[in-house]
């Protein structure tokens, strides 16, 4: 199972930039990998893990901006098509076959 977080946060003032950096650091610290700028993905093992990380995400949400959350299966994620560019090295390392071992 994959969790995708999409966000747009204001970054006009120094305080807003700091809030952006704190939210980004939270995502990286909670095991998310950057797919693209403002799009982060995390692998979860079951619904309990999804609920746990959703609670953590809700506890660390910034007060302004837009943050979206999407839960998809590994198969749906694997079927993602690249219109421009290629998978990153990190995405190639963690394939669906490796996920089923857990």
Foldseek 3Di string as FASTA:
>chain_A
DKKKKAWDFDDDDPVRVVLVVVLVVLCVVVAWDDQDVRITMHDDDDDVRVVVVVVVNVVSDDPDTDMDMDDDDLVVVVPDDDPDDDGDPVDVVDHPVNVVVD
